[in-house]
Every structure is written in structure tokens, then in C-alpha cells.
Amino acid sequence: MANRVPIRTTSSALIAMIADEDTITGFLLAGVGNVDLRRTTNYLIVDSKTTVKQIEDAFKEFTTREDIAIVLISQYVANMIRFLVDSYNKPIPAILEIPSKDHPYDPAHDSVLSRVKYLFSTESVASGRR
């Protein structure tokens, strides 16, 4: 239990999003969006003009902000920065890959699902690791 990461307990936490315009719009209509006094948002709309560098910067920003608890990222966008998503290993904010309208979800590319499969695979159970 000494290795546990303390979870911040603040009065509220945000959900950040990196996805296409339709997905972001749906979440904004549901009330997930936030703009603070410095005009900083909790989302990045990815379109054909968005560079990989902009996506990387948004991912790094959202995963280091203290007020964000979950980062929702479209799977096809996560594939553009797969090395960052796969190397991220902190429990908070949690990274969740979601499908988008134009790109179906592929469980083979989901980093969280692949980690869970590894933890419960026959090799890890047989070797005594859990």
C-alpha cells in the first residue's frame, strides 16, 4: 500500500477532450466544456488543419493540469500520438479512448484495454505477477 498514488480531492474536476468537431460539440452540449478567465479551454477540436504537434501539446497540457480528472481522446487521434498515450502511466487524469463518427473503435489499439489484457493474461497469472 505504500506504492499507492494519492488521489487529489478537490471540490470539482474537469473532463478534457481531444476529438473531432462533432464529438466535441456533443460533449459541449452536455455541459462538459469549460473556459477559464485566461481563455483556456478543456478541449481541442482536431480537424484536417490540426498538426500532430498541436495534439501532442494539448495532450501534455491536459495530463499535467491539476483540475482535470479524465481525458477523453478519439481513438484515431490517439493513434496519431500513440507513443505518448502508451507511455502515459499515471492514474489521474485517466486517459480513455473513445470512438468517433467517422472512425470505428478498434479494441486492438486501445492502450487501457491492452494493459488490462496483459495483467490478466495467462503468462502474468502463471508467473505469479498480478
Protein backbone atom coordinates (compact mmCIF):
# COMPACT_ATOMS: atom_id res chain seq x y z
CA MET A 1 0.00 0.00 0.00
CA ALA A 2 3.00 2.28 0.29
CA ASN A 3 3.20 2.48 -3.51
CA ARG A 4 -0.26 3.96 -3.93
CA VAL A 5 -0.56 7.33 -5.59
CA PRO A 6 -2.57 9.81 -3.53
CA ILE A 7 -5.68 10.96 -5.35
CA ARG A 8 -6.40 14.67 -5.20
CA THR A 9 -9.69 15.52 -3.58
CA THR A 10 -10.85 18.90 -4.74
CA SER A 11 -14.36 20.19 -4.92
CA SER A 12 -14.57 19.56 -8.67
CA ALA A 13 -12.62 18.20 -11.59
CA LEU A 14 -12.97 18.57 -15.34
CA ILE A 15 -13.14 16.21 -18.27
CA ALA A 16 -10.80 17.22 -21.09
CA MET A 17 -11.42 16.20 -24.70
CA ILE A 18 -9.30 15.80 -27.83
CA ALA A 19 -11.54 14.80 -30.72
CA ASP A 20 -13.28 15.81 -33.92
CA GLU A 21 -15.76 18.69 -34.04
CA ASP A 22 -18.91 16.54 -33.85
CA THR A 23 -17.71 14.67 -30.77
CA ILE A 24 -16.59 17.84 -29.01
CA THR A 25 -19.88 19.58 -29.87
CA GLY A 26 -21.87 16.71 -28.36
CA PHE A 27 -19.92 16.88 -25.12
CA LEU A 28 -20.15 20.69 -25.02
CA LEU A 29 -23.93 20.46 -25.40
CA ALA A 30 -23.93 18.02 -22.48
CA GLY A 31 -22.21 20.65 -20.34
CA VAL A 32 -18.66 19.29 -20.23
CA GLY A 33 -16.95 22.38 -21.68
CA ASN A 34 -15.06 24.92 -19.61
CA VAL A 35 -13.32 28.21 -20.37
CA ASP A 36 -11.43 29.87 -17.53
CA LEU A 37 -10.52 33.53 -17.03
CA ARG A 38 -7.36 33.16 -19.14
CA ARG A 39 -9.50 31.80 -22.01
CA THR A 40 -8.02 28.31 -21.53
CA THR A 41 -10.36 25.53 -22.63
CA ASN A 42 -10.57 21.89 -21.68
CA TYR A 43 -10.87 20.64 -25.26
CA LEU A 44 -9.08 20.56 -28.60
CA ILE A 45 -11.02 20.21 -31.83
CA VAL A 46 -8.98 18.12 -34.28
CA ASP A 47 -9.57 18.71 -37.99
CA SER A 48 -7.51 18.45 -41.17
CA LYS A 49 -5.58 21.62 -40.27
CA THR A 50 -4.57 20.43 -36.78
CA THR A 51 -0.92 19.39 -36.59
CA VAL A 52 0.41 16.45 -34.63
CA LYS A 53 2.44 18.94 -32.57
CA GLN A 54 -0.76 20.72 -31.51
CA ILE A 55 -2.29 17.39 -30.47
CA GLU A 56 0.86 16.44 -28.52
CA ASP A 57 0.91 19.82 -26.77
CA ALA A 58 -2.78 19.56 -25.82
CA PHE A 59 -2.29 16.01 -24.51
CA LYS A 60 0.71 17.09 -22.42
CA GLU A 61 -1.17 20.11 -21.10
CA PHE A 62 -4.30 18.17 -20.18
CA THR A 63 -2.34 15.40 -18.45
CA THR A 64 -0.44 17.88 -16.29
CA ARG A 65 -3.30 20.20 -15.31
CA GLU A 66 -4.41 19.81 -11.70
CA ASP A 67 -8.09 20.45 -12.46
CA ILE A 68 -8.55 17.63 -14.99
CA ALA A 69 -9.58 14.13 -13.88
CA ILE A 70 -10.31 12.43 -17.22
CA VAL A 71 -9.00 12.96 -20.74
CA LEU A 72 -11.29 11.64 -23.48
CA ILE A 73 -9.45 11.21 -26.76
CA SER A 74 -10.81 9.86 -30.03
CA GLN A 75 -9.03 6.66 -30.90
CA TYR A 76 -7.98 7.83 -34.35
CA VAL A 77 -6.43 10.95 -32.74
CA ALA A 78 -4.74 8.78 -30.10
CA ASN A 79 -3.19 6.75 -32.91
CA MET A 80 -1.50 9.93 -34.15
CA ILE A 81 0.28 10.29 -30.80
CA ARG A 82 0.29 6.62 -29.82
CA PHE A 83 3.78 6.84 -28.29
CA LEU A 84 2.57 9.48 -25.81
CA VAL A 85 -0.66 7.69 -24.95
CA ASP A 86 1.09 4.35 -24.42
CA SER A 87 3.85 5.87 -22.30
CA TYR A 88 1.40 7.70 -20.01
CA ASN A 89 1.10 5.71 -16.78
CA LYS A 90 -0.46 7.93 -14.11
CA PRO A 91 -3.88 7.10 -12.68
CA ILE A 92 -5.14 10.69 -12.75
CA PRO A 93 -6.08 12.04 -15.14
CA ALA A 94 -7.37 8.81 -16.62
CA ILE A 95 -7.00 8.50 -20.40
CA LEU A 96 -10.00 6.99 -22.17
CA GLU A 97 -10.08 6.33 -25.91
CA ILE A 98 -13.48 6.79 -27.49
CA PRO A 99 -14.87 6.14 -30.98
CA SER A 100 -15.83 8.90 -33.35
CA LYS A 101 -18.50 9.16 -36.02
CA ASP A 102 -16.15 8.56 -38.95
CA HIS A 103 -13.67 6.16 -37.32
CA PRO A 104 -14.91 2.97 -35.65
CA TYR A 105 -13.45 1.82 -32.35
CA ASP A 106 -10.74 -0.87 -32.57
CA PRO A 107 -10.08 -2.59 -29.22
CA ALA A 108 -6.72 -3.85 -30.51
CA HIS A 109 -5.38 -0.27 -30.40
CA ASP A 110 -6.78 0.74 -27.00
CA SER A 111 -3.89 1.25 -24.57
CA VAL A 112 -6.01 0.76 -21.44
CA LEU A 113 -7.58 -2.44 -22.75
CA SER A 114 -4.18 -3.83 -23.77
CA ARG A 115 -2.82 -3.17 -20.26
CA VAL A 116 -5.80 -4.92 -18.69
CA LYS A 117 -5.37 -7.89 -21.02
CA TYR A 118 -1.69 -8.09 -20.07
CA LEU A 119 -2.49 -8.01 -16.36
CA PHE A 120 -4.97 -10.85 -16.69
CA SER A 121 -3.16 -12.87 -19.33
CA THR A 122 -2.17 -16.47 -18.67
CA GLU A 123 1.52 -15.55 -18.73
CA SER A 124 1.22 -12.99 -15.94
CA VAL A 125 -1.02 -15.23 -13.82
CA ALA A 126 1.21 -18.28 -14.39
CA SER A 127 4.35 -16.37 -13.45
CA GLY A 128 2.78 -15.11 -10.24
CA ARG A 129 2.52 -11.45 -11.27
CA ARG A 130 -0.78 -9.62 -10.93
